[in-house]
Amino acid sequence: MYTLISPDGKPYQSTLKGTFGGHKGLKIYGRLDCPSANRAIANGHYVKHRVFFADEATAIEAGYRPCGNCMKDRYALWQQALAQAAGDQKQARTIYHSLCGL
C-alpha cells in the first residue's frame, strides 16, 4: 500500500503508486525524478516532508504548485495564473487548470 494525498490535502491508502512527489511544508510538487528533490534526499533532507499524488490535478487541488526545476513549463504557467488571480491561490488554481487543460 502507498500513502497518497487526496485533493482535500488528506492522506489515504492506495494500491497504486503516486505519479508525482511533493514537499509538504513548501507545498511544491514535481516529477519523481526531480533533480532538486533527489539531491535533497541524498543529502539527508526532505524525506520526512515527502508526499505523493496520484496525478497532477490532485496535487494542484490539494494546494501545491509545480516545481520550478523539474517542471519549468508548468511553473511558468502557474506564475502566470497567480499573477492573473492577483495572488488568490484558489482562483489561480482554476486559471492554471484552464491554462494546462487539466
PDB file of N, CA and C in Angstrom:
ATOM      1  N   MET A   1       0.840  -1.187   0.000  1.00  0.00           N
ATOM      2  CA  MET A   1       0.000   0.000   0.000  1.00  0.00           C
ATOM      3  C   MET A   1       0.886   1.251   0.000  1.00  0.00           C
ATOM      4  N   TYR A   2       0.382   2.275  -0.649  1.00  0.00           N
ATOM      5  CA  TYR A   2       1.072   3.554  -0.737  1.00  0.00           C
ATOM      6  C   TYR A   2       0.201   4.630  -0.087  1.00  0.00           C
ATOM      7  N   THR A   3       0.840   5.586   0.558  1.00  0.00           N
ATOM      8  CA  THR A   3       0.111   6.705   1.137  1.00  0.00           C
ATOM      9  C   THR A   3       0.195   7.871   0.169  1.00  0.00           C
ATOM     10  N   LEU A   4      -0.971   8.296  -0.328  1.00  0.00           N
ATOM     11  CA  LEU A   4      -1.057   9.416  -1.253  1.00  0.00           C
ATOM     12  C   LEU A   4      -1.851  10.538  -0.602  1.00  0.00           C
ATOM     13  N   ILE A   5      -1.765  11.724  -1.178  1.00  0.00           N
ATOM     14  CA  ILE A   5      -2.516  12.880  -0.696  1.00  0.00           C
ATOM     15  C   ILE A   5      -3.714  13.087  -1.624  1.00  0.00           C
ATOM     16  N   SER A   6      -4.881  13.283  -1.025  1.00  0.00           N
ATOM     17  CA  SER A   6      -6.116  13.489  -1.787  1.00  0.00           C
ATOM     18  C   SER A   6      -6.282  14.964  -2.145  1.00  0.00           C
ATOM     19  N   PRO A   7      -7.265  15.302  -2.996  1.00  0.00           N
ATOM     20  CA  PRO A   7      -7.483  16.713  -3.349  1.00  0.00           C
ATOM     21  C   PRO A   7      -7.781  17.610  -2.155  1.00  0.00           C
ATOM     22  N   ASP A   8      -8.306  17.036  -1.068  1.00  0.00           N
ATOM     23  CA  ASP A   8      -8.567  17.858   0.124  1.00  0.00           C
ATOM     24  C   ASP A   8      -7.347  17.940   1.041  1.00  0.00           C
ATOM     25  N   GLY A   9      -6.209  17.396   0.583  1.00  0.00           N
ATOM     26  CA  GLY A   9      -4.958  17.501   1.323  1.00  0.00           C
ATOM     27  C   GLY A   9      -4.746  16.448   2.392  1.00  0.00           C
ATOM     28  N   LYS A  10      -5.644  15.475   2.454  1.00  0.00           N
ATOM     29  CA  LYS A  10      -5.537  14.434   3.482  1.00  0.00           C
ATOM     30  C   LYS A  10      -4.930  13.165   2.907  1.00  0.00           C
ATOM     31  N   PRO A  11      -4.139  12.463   3.709  1.00  0.00           N
ATOM     32  CA  PRO A  11      -3.540  11.213   3.234  1.00  0.00           C
ATOM     33  C   PRO A  11      -4.573  10.088   3.149  1.00  0.00           C
ATOM     34  N   TYR A  12      -4.354   9.189   2.194  1.00  0.00           N
ATOM     35  CA  TYR A  12      -5.176   7.989   2.060  1.00  0.00           C
ATOM     36  C   TYR A  12      -4.306   6.850   1.534  1.00  0.00           C
ATOM     37  N   GLN A  13      -4.747   5.640   1.739  1.00  0.00           N
ATOM     38  CA  GLN A  13      -4.014   4.459   1.300  1.00  0.00           C
ATOM     39  C   GLN A  13      -4.464   4.064  -0.106  1.00  0.00           C
ATOM     40  N   SER A  14      -3.501   3.702  -0.944  1.00  0.00           N
ATOM     41  CA  SER A  14      -3.785   3.307  -2.317  1.00  0.00           C
ATOM     42  C   SER A  14      -2.936   2.101  -2.697  1.00  0.00           C
ATOM     43  N   THR A  15      -3.469   1.263  -3.547  1.00  0.00           N
ATOM     44  CA  THR A  15      -2.678   0.139  -4.068  1.00  0.00           C
ATOM     45  C   THR A  15      -1.794   0.609  -5.222  1.00  0.00           C
ATOM     46  N   LEU A  16      -2.079   1.800  -5.754  1.00  0.00           N
ATOM     47  CA  LEU A  16      -1.292   2.355  -6.850  1.00  0.00           C
ATOM     48  C   LEU A  16      -0.272   3.358  -6.332  1.00  0.00           C
ATOM     49  N   LYS A  17       0.909   3.314  -6.922  1.00  0.00           N
ATOM     50  CA  LYS A  17       1.980   4.245  -6.580  1.00  0.00           C
ATOM     51  C   LYS A  17       1.662   5.632  -7.142  1.00  0.00           C
ATOM     52  N   GLY A  18       2.053   6.675  -6.440  1.00  0.00           N
ATOM     53  CA  GLY A  18       1.848   8.030  -6.926  1.00  0.00           C
ATOM     54  C   GLY A  18       2.689   8.328  -8.152  1.00  0.00           C
ATOM     55  N   THR A  19       2.243   9.292  -8.955  1.00  0.00           N
ATOM     56  CA  THR A  19       2.986   9.673 -10.156  1.00  0.00           C
ATOM     57  C   THR A  19       3.730  10.992  -9.988  1.00  0.00           C
ATOM     58  N   PHE A  20       3.436  11.719  -8.911  1.00  0.00           N
ATOM     59  CA  PHE A  20       4.131  12.963  -8.587  1.00  0.00           C
ATOM     60  C   PHE A  20       4.492  12.948  -7.109  1.00  0.00           C
ATOM     61  N   GLY A  21       5.619  13.575  -6.772  1.00  0.00           N
ATOM     62  CA  GLY A  21       6.028  13.723  -5.386  1.00  0.00           C
ATOM     63  C   GLY A  21       5.976  15.187  -5.009  1.00  0.00           C
ATOM     64  N   GLY A  22       5.983  15.447  -3.721  1.00  0.00           N
ATOM     65  CA  GLY A  22       5.939  16.831  -3.282  1.00  0.00           C
ATOM     66  C   GLY A  22       6.586  17.035  -1.931  1.00  0.00           C
ATOM     67  N   HIS A  23       6.686  18.290  -1.550  1.00  0.00           N
ATOM     68  CA  HIS A  23       7.207  18.693  -0.243  1.00  0.00           C
ATOM     69  C   HIS A  23       6.046  19.302   0.526  1.00  0.00           C
ATOM     70  N   LYS A  24       5.686  18.648   1.615  1.00  0.00           N
ATOM     71  CA  LYS A  24       4.520  19.040   2.412  1.00  0.00           C
ATOM     72  C   LYS A  24       4.618  20.470   2.937  1.00  0.00           C
ATOM     73  N   GLY A  25       5.762  20.847   3.453  1.00  0.00           N
ATOM     74  CA  GLY A  25       5.922  22.171   4.048  1.00  0.00           C
ATOM     75  C   GLY A  25       5.953  23.298   3.032  1.00  0.00           C
ATOM     76  N   LEU A  26       6.613  23.053   1.905  1.00  0.00           N
ATOM     77  CA  LEU A  26       6.749  24.088   0.874  1.00  0.00           C
ATOM     78  C   LEU A  26       5.573  24.112  -0.095  1.00  0.00           C
ATOM     79  N   LYS A  27       4.748  23.072  -0.058  1.00  0.00           N
ATOM     80  CA  LYS A  27       3.576  22.953  -0.948  1.00  0.00           C
ATOM     81  C   LYS A  27       3.998  23.005  -2.419  1.00  0.00           C
ATOM     82  N   ILE A  28       5.040  22.209  -2.745  1.00  0.00           N
ATOM     83  CA  ILE A  28       5.551  22.093  -4.103  1.00  0.00           C
ATOM     84  C   ILE A  28       5.407  20.642  -4.539  1.00  0.00           C
ATOM     85  N   TYR A  29       5.047  20.414  -5.798  1.00  0.00           N
ATOM     86  CA  TYR A  29       5.035  19.054  -6.334  1.00  0.00           C
ATOM     87  C   TYR A  29       5.866  19.018  -7.603  1.00  0.00           C
ATOM     88  N   GLY A  30       6.349  17.826  -7.947  1.00  0.00           N
ATOM     89  CA  GLY A  30       7.136  17.671  -9.167  1.00  0.00           C
ATOM     90  C   GLY A  30       7.251  16.224  -9.567  1.00  0.00           C
ATOM     91  N   ARG A  31       8.058  16.004 -10.571  1.00  0.00           N
ATOM     92  CA  ARG A  31       8.275  14.639 -11.073  1.00  0.00           C
ATOM     93  C   ARG A  31       9.027  13.824 -10.024  1.00  0.00           C
ATOM     94  N   LEU A  32       8.850  12.518 -10.079  1.00  0.00           N
ATOM     95  CA  LEU A  32       9.537  11.643  -9.122  1.00  0.00           C
ATOM     96  C   LEU A  32      11.041  11.623  -9.353  1.00  0.00           C
ATOM     97  N   ASP A  33      11.483  11.993 -10.546  1.00  0.00           N
ATOM     98  CA  ASP A  33      12.918  12.035 -10.843  1.00  0.00           C
ATOM     99  C   ASP A  33      13.498  13.452 -10.756  1.00  0.00           C
ATOM    100  N   CYS A  34      12.835  14.335 -10.035  1.00  0.00           N
ATOM    101  CA  CYS A  34      13.276  15.731  -9.913  1.00  0.00           C
ATOM    102  C   CYS A  34      14.703  15.797  -9.347  1.00  0.00           C
ATOM    103  N   PRO A  35      15.626  16.435 -10.068  1.00  0.00           N
ATOM    104  CA  PRO A  35      16.997  16.536  -9.583  1.00  0.00           C
ATOM    105  C   PRO A  35      17.108  17.258  -8.237  1.00  0.00           C
ATOM    106  N   SER A  36      16.326  18.307  -8.043  1.00  0.00           N
ATOM    107  CA  SER A  36      16.390  19.049  -6.775  1.00  0.00           C
ATOM    108  C   SER A  36      15.944  18.189  -5.600  1.00  0.00           C
ATOM    109  N   ALA A  37      14.821  17.511  -5.764  1.00  0.00           N
ATOM    110  CA  ALA A  37      14.310  16.646  -4.700  1.00  0.00           C
ATOM    111  C   ALA A  37      15.279  15.503  -4.428  1.00  0.00           C
ATOM    112  N   ASN A  38      15.773  14.877  -5.480  1.00  0.00           N
ATOM    113  CA  ASN A  38      16.687  13.747  -5.293  1.00  0.00           C
ATOM    114  C   ASN A  38      17.999  14.177  -4.653  1.00  0.00           C
ATOM    115  N   ARG A  39      18.473  15.364  -4.977  1.00  0.00           N
ATOM    116  CA  ARG A  39      19.697  15.885  -4.353  1.00  0.00           C
ATOM    117  C   ARG A  39      19.458  16.128  -2.856  1.00  0.00           C
ATOM    118  N   ALA A  40      18.315  16.716  -2.522  1.00  0.00           N
ATOM    119  CA  ALA A  40      17.986  16.969  -1.113  1.00  0.00           C
ATOM    120  C   ALA A  40      17.860  15.650  -0.349  1.00  0.00           C
ATOM    121  N   ILE A  41      17.221  14.668  -0.956  1.00  0.00           N
ATOM    122  CA  ILE A  41      17.068  13.357  -0.318  1.00  0.00           C
ATOM    123  C   ILE A  41      18.440  12.715  -0.100  1.00  0.00           C
ATOM    124  N   ALA A  42      19.314  12.791  -1.103  1.00  0.00           N
ATOM    125  CA  ALA A  42      20.659  12.216  -0.989  1.00  0.00           C
ATOM    126  C   ALA A  42      21.467  12.883   0.115  1.00  0.00           C
ATOM    127  N   ASN A  43      21.167  14.152   0.399  1.00  0.00           N
ATOM    128  CA  ASN A  43      21.864  14.888   1.458  1.00  0.00           C
ATOM    129  C   ASN A  43      21.193  14.735   2.816  1.00  0.00           C
ATOM    130  N   GLY A  44      20.201  13.854   2.902  1.00  0.00           N
ATOM    131  CA  GLY A  44      19.554  13.574   4.182  1.00  0.00           C
ATOM    132  C   GLY A  44      18.422  14.508   4.544  1.00  0.00           C
ATOM    133  N   HIS A  45      17.926  15.271   3.581  1.00  0.00           N
ATOM    134  CA  HIS A  45      16.829  16.205   3.822  1.00  0.00           C
ATOM    135  C   HIS A  45      15.575  15.733   3.098  1.00  0.00           C
ATOM    136  N   TYR A  46      14.491  16.440   3.332  1.00  0.00           N
ATOM    137  CA  TYR A  46      13.292  16.310   2.501  1.00  0.00           C
ATOM    138  C   TYR A  46      12.424  15.086   2.807  1.00  0.00           C
ATOM    139  N   VAL A  47      13.017  13.944   3.154  1.00  0.00           N
ATOM    140  CA  VAL A  47      12.273  12.686   3.269  1.00  0.00           C
ATOM    141  C   VAL A  47      11.088  12.791   4.224  1.00  0.00           C
ATOM    142  N   LYS A  48      11.257  13.409   5.378  1.00  0.00           N
ATOM    143  CA  LYS A  48      10.153  13.475   6.342  1.00  0.00           C
ATOM    144  C   LYS A  48       9.035  14.402   5.880  1.00  0.00           C
ATOM    145  N   HIS A  49       9.292  15.217   4.864  1.00  0.00           N
ATOM    146  CA  HIS A  49       8.293  16.145   4.333  1.00  0.00           C
ATOM    147  C   HIS A  49       7.701  15.665   3.000  1.00  0.00           C
ATOM    148  N   ARG A  50       8.154  14.505   2.543  1.00  0.00           N
ATOM    149  CA  ARG A  50       7.777  13.988   1.219  1.00  0.00           C
ATOM    150  C   ARG A  50       6.351  13.479   1.220  1.00  0.00           C
ATOM    151  N   VAL A  51       5.594  13.862   0.202  1.00  0.00           N
ATOM    152  CA  VAL A  51       4.232  13.382  -0.011  1.00  0.00           C
ATOM    153  C   VAL A  51       4.110  12.960  -1.478  1.00  0.00           C
ATOM    154  N   PHE A  52       3.069  12.191  -1.779  1.00  0.00           N
ATOM    155  CA  PHE A  52       2.877  11.687  -3.136  1.00  0.00           C
ATOM    156  C   PHE A  52       1.443  11.897  -3.586  1.00  0.00           C
ATOM    157  N   PHE A  53       1.283  12.064  -4.907  1.00  0.00           N
ATOM    158  CA  PHE A  53      -0.024  12.327  -5.501  1.00  0.00           C
ATOM    159  C   PHE A  53      -0.280  11.352  -6.642  1.00  0.00           C
ATOM    160  N   ALA A  54      -1.547  11.011  -6.830  1.00  0.00           N
ATOM    161  CA  ALA A  54      -1.926  10.124  -7.927  1.00  0.00           C
ATOM    162  C   ALA A  54      -1.674  10.792  -9.278  1.00  0.00           C
ATOM    163  N   ASP A  55      -1.910  12.108  -9.343  1.00  0.00           N
ATOM    164  CA  ASP A  55      -1.746  12.837 -10.603  1.00  0.00           C
ATOM    165  C   ASP A  55      -1.563  14.325 -10.325  1.00  0.00           C
ATOM    166  N   GLU A  56      -1.292  15.057 -11.389  1.00  0.00           N
ATOM    167  CA  GLU A  56      -1.032  16.490 -11.248  1.00  0.00           C
ATOM    168  C   GLU A  56      -2.259  17.262 -10.775  1.00  0.00           C
ATOM    169  N   ALA A  57      -3.425  16.931 -11.308  1.00  0.00           N
ATOM    170  CA  ALA A  57      -4.649  17.635 -10.921  1.00  0.00           C
ATOM    171  C   ALA A  57      -4.893  17.526  -9.416  1.00  0.00           C
ATOM    172  N   THR A  58      -4.616  16.367  -8.845  1.00  0.00           N
ATOM    173  CA  THR A  58      -4.794  16.175  -7.405  1.00  0.00           C
ATOM    174  C   THR A  58      -3.826  17.048  -6.619  1.00  0.00           C
ATOM    175  N   ALA A  59      -2.582  17.131  -7.072  1.00  0.00           N
ATOM    176  CA  ALA A  59      -1.586  17.976  -6.395  1.00  0.00           C
ATOM    177  C   ALA A  59      -2.034  19.435  -6.376  1.00  0.00           C
ATOM    178  N   ILE A  60      -2.529  19.913  -7.507  1.00  0.00           N
ATOM    179  CA  ILE A  60      -2.996  21.302  -7.594  1.00  0.00           C
ATOM    180  C   ILE A  60      -4.186  21.518  -6.666  1.00  0.00           C
ATOM    181  N   GLU A  61      -5.149  20.613  -6.705  1.00  0.00           N
ATOM    182  CA  GLU A  61      -6.340  20.753  -5.851  1.00  0.00           C
ATOM    183  C   GLU A  61      -5.988  20.709  -4.369  1.00  0.00           C
ATOM    184  N   ALA A  62      -4.932  19.992  -4.028  1.00  0.00           N
ATOM    185  CA  ALA A  62      -4.500  19.905  -2.625  1.00  0.00           C
ATOM    186  C   ALA A  62      -3.742  21.161  -2.192  1.00  0.00           C
ATOM    187  N   GLY A  63      -3.539  22.106  -3.119  1.00  0.00           N
ATOM    188  CA  GLY A  63      -2.906  23.379  -2.766  1.00  0.00           C
ATOM    189  C   GLY A  63      -1.421  23.456  -3.047  1.00  0.00           C
ATOM    190  N   TYR A  64      -0.890  22.544  -3.863  1.00  0.00           N
ATOM    191  CA  TYR A  64       0.532  22.531  -4.189  1.00  0.00           C
ATOM    192  C   TYR A  64       0.757  23.212  -5.534  1.00  0.00           C
ATOM    193  N   ARG A  65       1.955  23.722  -5.738  1.00  0.00           N
ATOM    194  CA  ARG A  65       2.320  24.359  -7.001  1.00  0.00           C
ATOM    195  C   ARG A  65       3.434  23.547  -7.675  1.00  0.00           C
ATOM    196  N   PRO A  66       3.587  23.709  -8.997  1.00  0.00           N
ATOM    197  CA  PRO A  66       4.631  22.956  -9.704  1.00  0.00           C
ATOM    198  C   PRO A  66       6.036  23.391  -9.290  1.00  0.00           C
ATOM    199  N   CYS A  67       6.955  22.439  -9.354  1.00  0.00           N
ATOM    200  CA  CYS A  67       8.371  22.692  -9.071  1.00  0.00           C
ATOM    201  C   CYS A  67       8.969  23.552 -10.178  1.00  0.00           C
ATOM    202  N   GLY A  68       9.736  24.551  -9.797  1.00  0.00           N
ATOM    203  CA  GLY A  68      10.380  25.429 -10.768  1.00  0.00           C
ATOM    204  C   GLY A  68      11.585  24.803 -11.430  1.00  0.00           C
ATOM    205  N   ASN A  69      12.030  23.644 -10.942  1.00  0.00           N
ATOM    206  CA  ASN A  69      13.197  22.992 -11.513  1.00  0.00           C
ATOM    207  C   ASN A  69      12.811  21.898 -12.509  1.00  0.00           C
ATOM    208  N   CYS A  70      12.050  20.924 -12.072  1.00  0.00           N
ATOM    209  CA  CYS A  70      11.742  19.787 -12.942  1.00  0.00           C
ATOM    210  C   CYS A  70      10.503  20.008 -13.804  1.00  0.00           C
ATOM    211  N   MET A  71       9.743  21.065 -13.524  1.00  0.00           N
ATOM    212  CA  MET A  71       8.524  21.340 -14.286  1.00  0.00           C
ATOM    213  C   MET A  71       8.497  22.810 -14.711  1.00  0.00           C
ATOM    214  N   LYS A  72       9.561  23.252 -15.352  1.00  0.00           N
ATOM    215  CA  LYS A  72       9.724  24.668 -15.699  1.00  0.00           C
ATOM    216  C   LYS A  72       8.533  25.234 -16.482  1.00  0.00           C
ATOM    217  N   ASP A  73       8.054  24.509 -17.475  1.00  0.00           N
ATOM    218  CA  ASP A  73       6.927  24.999 -18.279  1.00  0.00           C
ATOM    219  C   ASP A  73       5.669  25.153 -17.435  1.00  0.00           C
ATOM    220  N   ARG A  74       5.392  24.159 -16.595  1.00  0.00           N
ATOM    221  CA  ARG A  74       4.205  24.209 -15.733  1.00  0.00           C
ATOM    222  C   ARG A  74       4.352  25.313 -14.690  1.00  0.00           C
ATOM    223  N   TYR A  75       5.570  25.481 -14.171  1.00  0.00           N
ATOM    224  CA  TYR A  75       5.815  26.530 -13.186  1.00  0.00           C
ATOM    225  C   TYR A  75       5.554  27.908 -13.800  1.00  0.00           C
ATOM    226  N   ALA A  76       5.969  28.105 -15.046  1.00  0.00           N
ATOM    227  CA  ALA A  76       5.725  29.386 -15.721  1.00  0.00           C
ATOM    228  C   ALA A  76       4.218  29.630 -15.861  1.00  0.00           C
ATOM    229  N   LEU A  77       3.465  28.582 -16.195  1.00  0.00           N
ATOM    230  CA  LEU A  77       2.009  28.718 -16.283  1.00  0.00           C
ATOM    231  C   LEU A  77       1.402  29.015 -14.916  1.00  0.00           C
ATOM    232  N   TRP A  78       1.943  28.394 -13.867  1.00  0.00           N
ATOM    233  CA  TRP A  78       1.458  28.662 -12.516  1.00  0.00           C
ATOM    234  C   TRP A  78       1.697  30.128 -12.153  1.00  0.00           C
ATOM    235  N   GLN A  79       2.871  30.636 -12.463  1.00  0.00           N
ATOM    236  CA  GLN A  79       3.197  32.034 -12.181  1.00  0.00           C
ATOM    237  C   GLN A  79       2.240  32.961 -12.939  1.00  0.00           C
ATOM    238  N   GLN A  80       1.949  32.612 -14.178  1.00  0.00           N
ATOM    239  CA  GLN A  80       1.006  33.396 -14.985  1.00  0.00           C
ATOM    240  C   GLN A  80      -0.383  33.376 -14.342  1.00  0.00           C
ATOM    241  N   ALA A  81      -0.825  32.202 -13.929  1.00  0.00           N
ATOM    242  CA  ALA A  81      -2.147  32.065 -13.289  1.00  0.00           C
ATOM    243  C   ALA A  81      -2.205  32.851 -11.991  1.00  0.00           C
ATOM    244  N   LEU A  82      -1.148  32.785 -11.208  1.00  0.00           N
ATOM    245  CA  LEU A  82      -1.095  33.501  -9.936  1.00  0.00           C
ATOM    246  C   LEU A  82      -1.144  35.009 -10.152  1.00  0.00           C
ATOM    247  N   ALA A  83      -0.450  35.483 -11.175  1.00  0.00           N
ATOM    248  CA  ALA A  83      -0.468  36.918 -11.491  1.00  0.00           C
ATOM    249  C   ALA A  83      -1.859  37.348 -11.944  1.00  0.00           C
ATOM    250  N   GLN A  84      -2.486  36.547 -12.787  1.00  0.00           N
ATOM    251  CA  GLN A  84      -3.841  36.873 -13.264  1.00  0.00           C
ATOM    252  C   GLN A  84      -4.844  36.876 -12.122  1.00  0.00           C
ATOM    253  N   ALA A  85      -4.602  36.042 -11.129  1.00  0.00           N
ATOM    254  CA  ALA A  85      -5.519  35.938  -9.993  1.00  0.00           C
ATOM    255  C   ALA A  85      -5.164  36.920  -8.880  1.00  0.00           C
ATOM    256  N   ALA A  86      -4.211  37.788  -9.125  1.00  0.00           N
ATOM    257  CA  ALA A  86      -3.766  38.780  -8.140  1.00  0.00           C
ATOM    258  C   ALA A  86      -3.411  38.133  -6.802  1.00  0.00           C
ATOM    259  N   GLY A  87      -2.756  36.959  -6.870  1.00  0.00           N
ATOM    260  CA  GLY A  87      -2.294  36.282  -5.661  1.00  0.00           C
ATOM    261  C   GLY A  87      -3.304  35.380  -4.989  1.00  0.00           C
ATOM    262  N   ASP A  88      -4.533  35.340  -5.461  1.00  0.00           N
ATOM    263  CA  ASP A  88      -5.577  34.481  -4.880  1.00  0.00           C
ATOM    264  C   ASP A  88      -5.316  33.034  -5.309  1.00  0.00           C
ATOM    265  N   GLN A  89      -4.858  32.210  -4.379  1.00  0.00           N
ATOM    266  CA  GLN A  89      -4.463  30.830  -4.679  1.00  0.00           C
ATOM    267  C   GLN A  89      -5.598  29.999  -5.285  1.00  0.00           C
ATOM    268  N   LYS A  90      -6.794  30.135  -4.738  1.00  0.00           N
ATOM    269  CA  LYS A  90      -7.921  29.342  -5.233  1.00  0.00           C
ATOM    270  C   LYS A  90      -8.249  29.720  -6.678  1.00  0.00           C
ATOM    271  N   GLN A  91      -8.302  31.003  -6.947  1.00  0.00           N
ATOM    272  CA  GLN A  91      -8.576  31.457  -8.306  1.00  0.00           C
ATOM    273  C   GLN A  91      -7.426  31.069  -9.237  1.00  0.00           C
ATOM    274  N   ALA A  92      -6.198  31.139  -8.732  1.00  0.00           N
ATOM    275  CA  ALA A  92      -5.032  30.761  -9.534  1.00  0.00           C
ATOM    276  C   ALA A  92      -5.111  29.288  -9.941  1.00  0.00           C
ATOM    277  N   ARG A  93      -5.587  28.426  -9.041  1.00  0.00           N
ATOM    278  CA  ARG A  93      -5.739  27.008  -9.382  1.00  0.00           C
ATOM    279  C   ARG A  93      -6.729  26.826 -10.530  1.00  0.00           C
ATOM    280  N   THR A  94      -7.823  27.571 -10.500  1.00  0.00           N
ATOM    281  CA  THR A  94      -8.822  27.486 -11.565  1.00  0.00           C
ATOM    282  C   THR A  94      -8.225  27.944 -12.896  1.00  0.00           C
ATOM    283  N   ILE A  95      -7.509  29.054 -12.875  1.00  0.00           N
ATOM    284  CA  ILE A  95      -6.874  29.575 -14.086  1.00  0.00           C
ATOM    285  C   ILE A  95      -5.819  28.592 -14.588  1.00  0.00           C
ATOM    286  N   TYR A  96      -5.031  28.054 -13.658  1.00  0.00           N
ATOM    287  CA  TYR A  96      -3.967  27.094 -14.021  1.00  0.00           C
ATOM    288  C   TYR A  96      -4.576  25.871 -14.700  1.00  0.00           C
ATOM    289  N   HIS A  97      -5.664  25.368 -14.157  1.00  0.00           N
ATOM    290  CA  HIS A  97      -6.332  24.204 -14.767  1.00  0.00           C
ATOM    291  C   HIS A  97      -6.686  24.495 -16.217  1.00  0.00           C
ATOM    292  N   SER A  98      -7.225  25.677 -16.484  1.00  0.00           N
ATOM    293  CA  SER A  98      -7.614  26.004 -17.858  1.00  0.00           C
ATOM    294  C   SER A  98      -6.385  26.207 -18.743  1.00  0.00           C
ATOM    295  N   LEU A  99      -5.319  26.808 -18.213  1.00  0.00           N
ATOM    296  CA  LEU A  99      -4.099  27.010 -18.991  1.00  0.00           C
ATOM    297  C   LEU A  99      -3.444  25.691 -19.383  1.00  0.00           C
ATOM    298  N   CYS A 100      -3.540  24.695 -18.493  1.00  0.00           N
ATOM    299  CA  CYS A 100      -2.906  23.398 -18.713  1.00  0.00           C
ATOM    300  C   CYS A 100      -3.827  22.386 -19.371  1.00  0.00           C
ATOM    301  N   GLY A 101      -5.108  22.703 -19.420  1.00  0.00           N
ATOM    302  CA  GLY A 101      -6.055  21.745 -19.973  1.00  0.00           C
ATOM    303  C   GLY A 101      -6.318  20.575 -19.037  1.00  0.00           C
ATOM    304  N   LEU A 102      -6.222  20.826 -17.746  1.00  0.00           N
ATOM    305  CA  LEU A 102      -6.473  19.758 -16.753  1.00  0.00           C
ATOM    306  C   LEU A 102      -7.945  19.663 -16.436  1.00  0.00           C
TER     307      LEU A 102
END
